[in-house]
Amino acid sequence: MDLDFTTSQYRQLLQALLSNGYQPVLRFGAMSDSTEVLLRHDVDKRPDCSLRLARIEAEMGVRSIYYFRTVPESLDEGALRQISRLGHEIGYHYESLTTCNGNVEAAYQDFCQNLNRLSNIVSSPIATICMHGSPRSPYDSKDIWQHYDYRPLGIDFEPYFDTDFSQTLYITDTGRRWDGYRVSVRDKIPQYQDKWNAEGLVFHTTSQVIDSLQEISGKYPRLMVTTHPQRWLPFGVGWCKELGLQNIKNIIKGVKVSLSSSK
């Protein structure tokens, strides 16, 4: 059996998507006869891992979006520029309500400053943003947009707001598993997850995702795949360490989710 969450397994996932007729896109446009996949990467940390995946994708003619946080463990300007030069789009992985302790006005100012900072690094406007879940925080940074509008800032895509999930299946490797919504605090689509569950579109391993791509395409013309690149490593000490740490995190997050749902 193939080891999961290796760079080799990620390459197999990409090849399976292409072989099953999925067209990689950076935005979902008007509905068409083609089957589309949007690959989204949340660069929470280890930007070197993101650069490795970006190179694999470029070799295979695939473009995707890399969402960078503006904290030291994520924001490596050299890696960011290299990923951009490979043809991928750079987005802002914002967490401003967390960093500003729930102060909405301060969070918006922080958001704008960091958006400009990223734009200056890539020498072009940032047009896509995505909330960072911050599982240990009591704040959901998406709540900024209950008070402000991101579109006047030149942003045309926030996946949680600008995706029609009635036509799109969303899968994410949150928790280093494809059914991680069970232990996820915020990276999930609660209003559609029960429907996907009822349709049997729940997967644990990457191999299960690969084996189900034909079934998925028959039900949903659009697929959004989110990965956290620090989880995808060549097999070795780093891979084993990431596996162990993530298992511990999943236990902690599972307890937090259970406590929240019982309130």
C-alpha atoms as a PDB file:
ATOM      1  CA  MET A   1       0.000   0.000   0.000  1.00  0.00           C
ATOM      2  CA  ASP A   2       1.294   3.483  -0.878  1.00  0.00           C
ATOM      3  CA  LEU A   3       2.228   5.743   1.993  1.00  0.00           C
ATOM      4  CA  ASP A   4      -0.131   8.695   2.166  1.00  0.00           C
ATOM      5  CA  PHE A   5       0.745  12.387   2.174  1.00  0.00           C
ATOM      6  CA  THR A   6       4.046  11.929   0.404  1.00  0.00           C
ATOM      7  CA  THR A   7       5.129  14.068  -2.520  1.00  0.00           C
ATOM      8  CA  SER A   8       4.881  10.928  -4.658  1.00  0.00           C
ATOM      9  CA  GLN A   9       1.252  10.484  -3.630  1.00  0.00           C
ATOM     10  CA  TYR A  10       0.524  14.128  -4.449  1.00  0.00           C
ATOM     11  CA  ARG A  11       1.932  13.638  -7.920  1.00  0.00           C
ATOM     12  CA  GLN A  12      -0.367  10.613  -8.313  1.00  0.00           C
ATOM     13  CA  LEU A  13      -3.341  12.724  -7.243  1.00  0.00           C
ATOM     14  CA  LEU A  14      -2.543  15.373  -9.850  1.00  0.00           C
ATOM     15  CA  GLN A  15      -2.097  12.763 -12.561  1.00  0.00           C
ATOM     16  CA  ALA A  16      -5.422  11.154 -11.651  1.00  0.00           C
ATOM     17  CA  LEU A  17      -7.209  14.507 -11.814  1.00  0.00           C
ATOM     18  CA  LEU A  18      -5.801  15.184 -15.269  1.00  0.00           C
ATOM     19  CA  SER A  19      -6.493  11.642 -16.487  1.00  0.00           C
ATOM     20  CA  ASN A  20     -10.116  11.941 -15.380  1.00  0.00           C
ATOM     21  CA  GLY A  21     -10.596  15.083 -17.440  1.00  0.00           C
ATOM     22  CA  TYR A  22     -10.332  17.699 -14.724  1.00  0.00           C
ATOM     23  CA  GLN A  23      -9.298  21.107 -16.021  1.00  0.00           C
ATOM     24  CA  PRO A  24      -7.276  23.054 -13.412  1.00  0.00           C
ATOM     25  CA  VAL A  25      -8.621  26.595 -12.972  1.00  0.00           C
ATOM     26  CA  LEU A  26      -7.923  29.570 -10.718  1.00  0.00           C
ATOM     27  CA  ARG A  27     -11.558  30.686 -10.727  1.00  0.00           C
ATOM     28  CA  PHE A  28     -14.803  28.891 -11.427  1.00  0.00           C
ATOM     29  CA  GLY A  29     -16.428  30.699 -14.321  1.00  0.00           C
ATOM     30  CA  ALA A  30     -19.800  30.263 -15.997  1.00  0.00           C
ATOM     31  CA  MET A  31     -21.040  26.692 -16.016  1.00  0.00           C
ATOM     32  CA  SER A  32     -19.734  24.688 -18.953  1.00  0.00           C
ATOM     33  CA  ASP A  33     -19.507  21.093 -20.099  1.00  0.00           C
ATOM     34  CA  SER A  34     -15.949  20.780 -18.785  1.00  0.00           C
ATOM     35  CA  THR A  35     -15.096  19.361 -15.366  1.00  0.00           C
ATOM     36  CA  GLU A  36     -13.006  21.819 -13.359  1.00  0.00           C
ATOM     37  CA  VAL A  37     -10.761  21.555 -10.327  1.00  0.00           C
ATOM     38  CA  LEU A  38      -9.458  24.452  -8.263  1.00  0.00           C
ATOM     39  CA  LEU A  39      -6.347  23.563  -6.275  1.00  0.00           C
ATOM     40  CA  ARG A  40      -5.923  25.714  -3.184  1.00  0.00           C
ATOM     41  CA  HIS A  41      -2.891  25.551  -0.888  1.00  0.00           C
ATOM     42  CA  ASP A  42      -2.894  27.065   2.603  1.00  0.00           C
ATOM     43  CA  VAL A  43       0.706  27.932   3.499  1.00  0.00           C
ATOM     44  CA  ASP A  44       0.367  27.792   7.270  1.00  0.00           C
ATOM     45  CA  LYS A  45       4.084  27.095   7.725  1.00  0.00           C
ATOM     46  CA  ARG A  46       7.074  25.473   5.991  1.00  0.00           C
ATOM     47  CA  PRO A  47       7.006  27.510   2.723  1.00  0.00           C
ATOM     48  CA  ASP A  48       9.767  25.221   1.441  1.00  0.00           C
ATOM     49  CA  CYS A  49       7.149  22.447   1.263  1.00  0.00           C
ATOM     50  CA  SER A  50       4.885  24.747  -0.756  1.00  0.00           C
ATOM     51  CA  LEU A  51       7.695  25.462  -3.199  1.00  0.00           C
ATOM     52  CA  ARG A  52       8.243  21.718  -3.640  1.00  0.00           C
ATOM     53  CA  LEU A  53       4.585  21.151  -4.536  1.00  0.00           C
ATOM     54  CA  ALA A  54       4.567  24.226  -6.778  1.00  0.00           C
ATOM     55  CA  ARG A  55       7.468  22.786  -8.777  1.00  0.00           C
ATOM     56  CA  ILE A  56       5.704  19.442  -9.164  1.00  0.00           C
ATOM     57  CA  GLU A  57       2.581  21.211 -10.415  1.00  0.00           C
ATOM     58  CA  ALA A  58       4.550  23.373 -12.850  1.00  0.00           C
ATOM     59  CA  GLU A  59       6.243  20.269 -14.271  1.00  0.00           C
ATOM     60  CA  MET A  60       2.784  18.839 -14.945  1.00  0.00           C
ATOM     61  CA  GLY A  61       1.370  22.023 -16.444  1.00  0.00           C
ATOM     62  CA  VAL A  62      -0.910  22.693 -13.466  1.00  0.00           C
ATOM     63  CA  ARG A  63      -1.547  26.129 -11.946  1.00  0.00           C
ATOM     64  CA  SER A  64      -2.904  26.616  -8.447  1.00  0.00           C
ATOM     65  CA  ILE A  65      -3.327  29.209  -5.682  1.00  0.00           C
ATOM     66  CA  TYR A  66      -0.963  29.538  -2.700  1.00  0.00           C
ATOM     67  CA  TYR A  67      -2.375  31.452   0.265  1.00  0.00           C
ATOM     68  CA  PHE A  68       0.382  32.888   2.474  1.00  0.00           C
ATOM     69  CA  ARG A  69       0.001  34.049   6.046  1.00  0.00           C
ATOM     70  CA  THR A  70       2.036  37.118   7.035  1.00  0.00           C
ATOM     71  CA  VAL A  71       3.776  35.476   9.995  1.00  0.00           C
ATOM     72  CA  PRO A  72       7.440  34.368  10.010  1.00  0.00           C
ATOM     73  CA  GLU A  73       6.666  30.638   9.790  1.00  0.00           C
ATOM     74  CA  SER A  74       4.789  31.199   6.514  1.00  0.00           C
ATOM     75  CA  LEU A  75       6.039  34.334   4.801  1.00  0.00           C
ATOM     76  CA  ASP A  76       9.315  33.535   3.044  1.00  0.00           C
ATOM     77  CA  GLU A  77       9.649  36.193   0.346  1.00  0.00           C
ATOM     78  CA  GLY A  78      12.084  34.125  -1.700  1.00  0.00           C
ATOM     79  CA  ALA A  79       9.805  31.072  -1.789  1.00  0.00           C
ATOM     80  CA  LEU A  80       6.785  33.274  -2.478  1.00  0.00           C
ATOM     81  CA  ARG A  81       8.450  34.930  -5.473  1.00  0.00           C
ATOM     82  CA  GLN A  82       9.630  31.584  -6.852  1.00  0.00           C
ATOM     83  CA  ILE A  83       6.119  30.128  -6.601  1.00  0.00           C
ATOM     84  CA  SER A  84       4.744  33.188  -8.380  1.00  0.00           C
ATOM     85  CA  ARG A  85       7.356  32.907 -11.149  1.00  0.00           C
ATOM     86  CA  LEU A  86       6.313  29.279 -11.688  1.00  0.00           C
ATOM     87  CA  GLY A  87       2.940  30.636 -12.815  1.00  0.00           C
ATOM     88  CA  HIS A  88       0.908  30.083  -9.664  1.00  0.00           C
ATOM     89  CA  GLU A  89      -1.304  32.707  -8.051  1.00  0.00           C
ATOM     90  CA  ILE A  90      -0.439  34.183  -4.662  1.00  0.00           C
ATOM     91  CA  GLY A  91      -3.228  34.909  -2.192  1.00  0.00           C
ATOM     92  CA  TYR A  92      -3.470  36.259   1.338  1.00  0.00           C
ATOM     93  CA  HIS A  93      -4.288  33.760   4.113  1.00  0.00           C
ATOM     94  CA  TYR A  94      -5.689  36.296   6.559  1.00  0.00           C
ATOM     95  CA  GLU A  95      -6.221  35.885  10.294  1.00  0.00           C
ATOM     96  CA  SER A  96      -6.656  39.514  11.304  1.00  0.00           C
ATOM     97  CA  LEU A  97      -9.442  39.108  13.859  1.00  0.00           C
ATOM     98  CA  THR A  98      -7.231  36.674  15.747  1.00  0.00           C
ATOM     99  CA  THR A  99      -4.117  38.850  15.670  1.00  0.00           C
ATOM    100  CA  CYS A 100      -6.191  41.899  16.683  1.00  0.00           C
ATOM    101  CA  ASN A 101      -8.034  40.098  19.491  1.00  0.00           C
ATOM    102  CA  GLY A 102     -11.466  40.519  17.963  1.00  0.00           C
ATOM    103  CA  ASN A 103     -11.237  44.271  17.320  1.00  0.00           C
ATOM    104  CA  VAL A 104     -12.966  44.548  13.938  1.00  0.00           C
ATOM    105  CA  GLU A 105     -11.716  48.026  13.003  1.00  0.00           C
ATOM    106  CA  ALA A 106      -8.126  47.191  13.921  1.00  0.00           C
ATOM    107  CA  ALA A 107      -8.458  43.859  12.096  1.00  0.00           C
ATOM    108  CA  TYR A 108      -9.533  45.584   8.885  1.00  0.00           C
ATOM    109  CA  GLN A 109      -6.598  47.995   9.068  1.00  0.00           C
ATOM    110  CA  ASP A 110      -4.257  45.055   9.729  1.00  0.00           C
ATOM    111  CA  PHE A 111      -5.786  43.207   6.781  1.00  0.00           C
ATOM    112  CA  CYS A 112      -5.221  46.140   4.402  1.00  0.00           C
ATOM    113  CA  GLN A 113      -1.627  46.608   5.528  1.00  0.00           C
ATOM    114  CA  ASN A 114      -0.779  42.956   5.026  1.00  0.00           C
ATOM    115  CA  LEU A 115      -2.568  42.856   1.676  1.00  0.00           C
ATOM    116  CA  ASN A 116      -0.380  45.748   0.483  1.00  0.00           C
ATOM    117  CA  ARG A 117       2.694  44.023   1.871  1.00  0.00           C
ATOM    118  CA  LEU A 118       2.049  40.881  -0.171  1.00  0.00           C
ATOM    119  CA  SER A 119       1.223  42.913  -3.276  1.00  0.00           C
ATOM    120  CA  ASN A 120       4.566  44.689  -3.002  1.00  0.00           C
ATOM    121  CA  ILE A 121       6.445  41.386  -2.743  1.00  0.00           C
ATOM    122  CA  VAL A 122       4.955  39.980  -5.958  1.00  0.00           C
ATOM    123  CA  SER A 123       4.795  43.430  -7.623  1.00  0.00           C
ATOM    124  CA  SER A 124       1.135  42.973  -8.556  1.00  0.00           C
ATOM    125  CA  PRO A 125      -2.206  43.309  -6.759  1.00  0.00           C
ATOM    126  CA  ILE A 126      -3.412  40.382  -4.688  1.00  0.00           C
ATOM    127  CA  ALA A 127      -6.818  39.374  -6.063  1.00  0.00           C
ATOM    128  CA  THR A 128      -7.694  36.394  -3.862  1.00  0.00           C
ATOM    129  CA  ILE A 129      -7.880  35.889  -0.109  1.00  0.00           C
ATOM    130  CA  CYS A 130      -8.802  32.999   2.169  1.00  0.00           C
ATOM    131  CA  MET A 131      -9.406  32.868   5.903  1.00  0.00           C
ATOM    132  CA  HIS A 132      -6.891  31.047   8.122  1.00  0.00           C
ATOM    133  CA  GLY A 133      -8.814  28.964  10.620  1.00  0.00           C
ATOM    134  CA  SER A 134      -6.681  29.699  13.720  1.00  0.00           C
ATOM    135  CA  PRO A 135      -8.165  26.709  15.613  1.00  0.00           C
ATOM    136  CA  ARG A 136      -6.954  27.934  19.014  1.00  0.00           C
ATOM    137  CA  SER A 137      -8.590  31.346  18.546  1.00  0.00           C
ATOM    138  CA  PRO A 138     -12.177  32.192  19.597  1.00  0.00           C
ATOM    139  CA  TYR A 139     -12.454  34.474  16.547  1.00  0.00           C
ATOM    140  CA  ASP A 140     -13.459  33.644  12.983  1.00  0.00           C
ATOM    141  CA  SER A 141     -11.673  36.112  10.713  1.00  0.00           C
ATOM    142  CA  LYS A 142     -14.396  35.768   8.046  1.00  0.00           C
ATOM    143  CA  ASP A 143     -16.550  37.867  10.377  1.00  0.00           C
ATOM    144  CA  ILE A 144     -14.681  40.986   9.223  1.00  0.00           C
ATOM    145  CA  TRP A 145     -16.828  40.882   6.108  1.00  0.00           C
ATOM    146  CA  GLN A 146     -19.991  41.377   8.116  1.00  0.00           C
ATOM    147  CA  HIS A 147     -18.746  44.964   8.553  1.00  0.00           C
ATOM    148  CA  TYR A 148     -16.555  45.610   5.493  1.00  0.00           C
ATOM    149  CA  ASP A 149     -16.438  44.665   1.807  1.00  0.00           C
ATOM    150  CA  TYR A 150     -13.289  43.178   0.287  1.00  0.00           C
ATOM    151  CA  ARG A 151     -14.236  43.806  -3.341  1.00  0.00           C
ATOM    152  CA  PRO A 152     -13.348  47.530  -3.424  1.00  0.00           C
ATOM    153  CA  LEU A 153      -9.813  46.405  -2.472  1.00  0.00           C
ATOM    154  CA  GLY A 154      -9.481  44.619  -5.835  1.00  0.00           C
ATOM    155  CA  ILE A 155     -10.239  41.164  -4.435  1.00  0.00           C
ATOM    156  CA  ASP A 156     -12.439  38.992  -6.627  1.00  0.00           C
ATOM    157  CA  PHE A 157     -12.291  35.637  -4.819  1.00  0.00           C
ATOM    158  CA  GLU A 158     -12.684  34.401  -1.245  1.00  0.00           C
ATOM    159  CA  PRO A 159     -13.370  30.652  -1.505  1.00  0.00           C
ATOM    160  CA  TYR A 160     -15.795  30.486   1.415  1.00  0.00           C
ATOM    161  CA  PHE A 161     -17.959  33.303  -0.009  1.00  0.00           C
ATOM    162  CA  ASP A 162     -17.450  33.094  -3.775  1.00  0.00           C
ATOM    163  CA  THR A 163     -17.982  29.391  -4.452  1.00  0.00           C
ATOM    164  CA  ASP A 164     -21.309  27.827  -5.347  1.00  0.00           C
ATOM    165  CA  PHE A 165     -21.087  24.725  -3.180  1.00  0.00           C
ATOM    166  CA  SER A 166     -24.329  23.371  -4.623  1.00  0.00           C
ATOM    167  CA  GLN A 167     -22.274  22.704  -7.769  1.00  0.00           C
ATOM    168  CA  THR A 168     -18.888  22.159  -6.100  1.00  0.00           C
ATOM    169  CA  LEU A 169     -17.569  19.352  -3.942  1.00  0.00           C
ATOM    170  CA  TYR A 170     -15.087  20.603  -1.376  1.00  0.00           C
ATOM    171  CA  ILE A 171     -12.417  18.319   0.055  1.00  0.00           C
ATOM    172  CA  THR A 172      -9.553  19.341   2.301  1.00  0.00           C
ATOM    173  CA  ASP A 173      -6.655  17.553   3.961  1.00  0.00           C
ATOM    174  CA  THR A 174      -7.341  19.313   7.274  1.00  0.00           C
ATOM    175  CA  GLY A 175      -6.053  17.031  10.023  1.00  0.00           C
ATOM    176  CA  ARG A 176      -3.849  15.163   7.510  1.00  0.00           C
ATOM    177  CA  ARG A 177      -6.878  13.203   6.349  1.00  0.00           C
ATOM    178  CA  TRP A 178      -9.603  13.887   3.795  1.00  0.00           C
ATOM    179  CA  ASP A 179     -12.424  13.456   6.322  1.00  0.00           C
ATOM    180  CA  GLY A 180     -10.871  15.945   8.725  1.00  0.00           C
ATOM    181  CA  TYR A 181     -14.035  18.041   8.926  1.00  0.00           C
ATOM    182  CA  ARG A 182     -14.853  15.913  11.965  1.00  0.00           C
ATOM    183  CA  VAL A 183     -11.963  17.501  13.881  1.00  0.00           C
ATOM    184  CA  SER A 184     -11.838  20.831  12.040  1.00  0.00           C
ATOM    185  CA  VAL A 185     -12.823  23.995  13.874  1.00  0.00           C
ATOM    186  CA  ARG A 186     -13.426  26.181  10.789  1.00  0.00           C
ATOM    187  CA  ASP A 187     -12.157  24.617   7.539  1.00  0.00           C
ATOM    188  CA  LYS A 188     -15.446  23.012   6.557  1.00  0.00           C
ATOM    189  CA  ILE A 189     -18.751  23.767   4.827  1.00  0.00           C
ATOM    190  CA  PRO A 190     -21.346  22.692   7.432  1.00  0.00           C
ATOM    191  CA  GLN A 191     -24.411  23.514   5.322  1.00  0.00           C
ATOM    192  CA  TYR A 192     -23.352  21.017   2.620  1.00  0.00           C
ATOM    193  CA  GLN A 193     -21.307  18.406   4.504  1.00  0.00           C
ATOM    194  CA  ASP A 194     -24.347  16.319   5.487  1.00  0.00           C
ATOM    195  CA  LYS A 195     -25.408  16.195   1.824  1.00  0.00           C
ATOM    196  CA  TRP A 196     -21.954  15.034   0.724  1.00  0.00           C
ATOM    197  CA  ASN A 197     -21.953  12.439   3.487  1.00  0.00           C
ATOM    198  CA  ALA A 198     -25.329  11.112   2.348  1.00  0.00           C
ATOM    199  CA  GLU A 199     -23.975  10.814  -1.203  1.00  0.00           C
ATOM    200  CA  GLY A 200     -21.024   8.773   0.033  1.00  0.00           C
ATOM    201  CA  LEU A 201     -18.524  11.462  -0.963  1.00  0.00           C
ATOM    202  CA  VAL A 202     -16.407  11.152   2.170  1.00  0.00           C
ATOM    203  CA  PHE A 203     -12.825   9.930   1.933  1.00  0.00           C
ATOM    204  CA  HIS A 204     -10.092   9.198   4.433  1.00  0.00           C
ATOM    205  CA  THR A 205      -7.041   8.547   2.269  1.00  0.00           C
ATOM    206  CA  THR A 206      -5.682  10.078  -0.915  1.00  0.00           C
ATOM    207  CA  SER A 207      -6.041   6.720  -2.659  1.00  0.00           C
ATOM    208  CA  GLN A 208      -9.761   6.766  -1.870  1.00  0.00           C
ATOM    209  CA  VAL A 209     -10.040  10.225  -3.420  1.00  0.00           C
ATOM    210  CA  ILE A 210      -8.196   9.040  -6.537  1.00  0.00           C
ATOM    211  CA  ASP A 211     -10.396   5.948  -6.873  1.00  0.00           C
ATOM    212  CA  SER A 212     -13.568   8.072  -6.588  1.00  0.00           C
ATOM    213  CA  LEU A 213     -12.762  10.834  -9.083  1.00  0.00           C
ATOM    214  CA  GLN A 214     -14.935   9.385 -11.831  1.00  0.00           C
ATOM    215  CA  GLU A 215     -17.891   9.122  -9.423  1.00  0.00           C
ATOM    216  CA  ILE A 216     -17.289  12.671  -8.175  1.00  0.00           C
ATOM    217  CA  SER A 217     -17.197  14.133 -11.678  1.00  0.00           C
ATOM    218  CA  GLY A 218     -20.520  12.476 -12.449  1.00  0.00           C
ATOM    219  CA  LYS A 219     -22.181  14.289  -9.545  1.00  0.00           C
ATOM    220  CA  TYR A 220     -20.302  17.591  -9.320  1.00  0.00           C
ATOM    221  CA  PRO A 221     -18.837  19.479 -12.299  1.00  0.00           C
ATOM    222  CA  ARG A 222     -16.550  21.366  -9.969  1.00  0.00           C
ATOM    223  CA  LEU A 223     -14.087  20.163  -7.367  1.00  0.00           C
ATOM    224  CA  MET A 224     -12.156  22.323  -4.918  1.00  0.00           C
ATOM    225  CA  VAL A 225      -9.167  20.626  -3.298  1.00  0.00           C
ATOM    226  CA  THR A 226      -7.398  22.263  -0.361  1.00  0.00           C
ATOM    227  CA  THR A 227      -4.027  21.069   0.867  1.00  0.00           C
ATOM    228  CA  HIS A 228      -1.628  22.208   3.555  1.00  0.00           C
ATOM    229  CA  PRO A 229       1.745  21.636   1.871  1.00  0.00           C
ATOM    230  CA  GLN A 230       3.707  21.112   5.102  1.00  0.00           C
ATOM    231  CA  ARG A 231       1.941  17.737   5.341  1.00  0.00           C
ATOM    232  CA  TRP A 232       3.178  16.505   1.957  1.00  0.00           C
ATOM    233  CA  LEU A 233       6.776  15.356   2.344  1.00  0.00           C
ATOM    234  CA  PRO A 234       9.156  12.785   0.888  1.00  0.00           C
ATOM    235  CA  PHE A 235       9.087   9.729   3.124  1.00  0.00           C
ATOM    236  CA  GLY A 236      11.630  10.040   5.922  1.00  0.00           C
ATOM    237  CA  VAL A 237      12.126  11.547   9.375  1.00  0.00           C
ATOM    238  CA  GLY A 238      10.215  14.717   8.511  1.00  0.00           C
ATOM    239  CA  TRP A 239       7.248  12.727   7.205  1.00  0.00           C
ATOM    240  CA  CYS A 240       7.138  10.607  10.391  1.00  0.00           C
ATOM    241  CA  LYS A 241       7.406  13.687  12.606  1.00  0.00           C
ATOM    242  CA  GLU A 242       4.542  15.423  10.796  1.00  0.00           C
ATOM    243  CA  LEU A 243       2.387  12.292  11.140  1.00  0.00           C
ATOM    244  CA  GLY A 244       2.978  12.096  14.900  1.00  0.00           C
ATOM    245  CA  LEU A 245       2.395  15.789  15.546  1.00  0.00           C
ATOM    246  CA  GLN A 246      -0.791  15.866  13.485  1.00  0.00           C
ATOM    247  CA  ASN A 247      -2.235  12.882  15.326  1.00  0.00           C
ATOM    248  CA  ILE A 248      -1.744  14.744  18.609  1.00  0.00           C
ATOM    249  CA  LYS A 249      -3.305  17.915  17.167  1.00  0.00           C
ATOM    250  CA  ASN A 250      -6.322  15.960  15.942  1.00  0.00           C
ATOM    251  CA  ILE A 251      -6.999  14.668  19.447  1.00  0.00           C
ATOM    252  CA  ILE A 252      -6.858  18.197  20.860  1.00  0.00           C
ATOM    253  CA  LYS A 253      -9.027  19.660  18.082  1.00  0.00           C
ATOM    254  CA  GLY A 254     -11.505  16.805  18.425  1.00  0.00           C
ATOM    255  CA  VAL A 255     -11.952  17.604  22.115  1.00  0.00           C
ATOM    256  CA  LYS A 256     -12.440  21.290  21.311  1.00  0.00           C
ATOM    257  CA  VAL A 257     -15.049  20.538  18.646  1.00  0.00           C
ATOM    258  CA  SER A 258     -16.898  18.211  21.020  1.00  0.00           C
ATOM    259  CA  LEU A 259     -16.927  20.840  23.769  1.00  0.00           C
ATOM    260  CA  SER A 260     -18.170  23.513  21.361  1.00  0.00           C
ATOM    261  CA  SER A 261     -20.990  21.335  20.024  1.00  0.00           C
ATOM    262  CA  SER A 262     -22.141  20.431  23.539  1.00  0.00           C
ATOM    263  CA  LYS A 263     -22.626  24.058  24.579  1.00  0.00           C
END
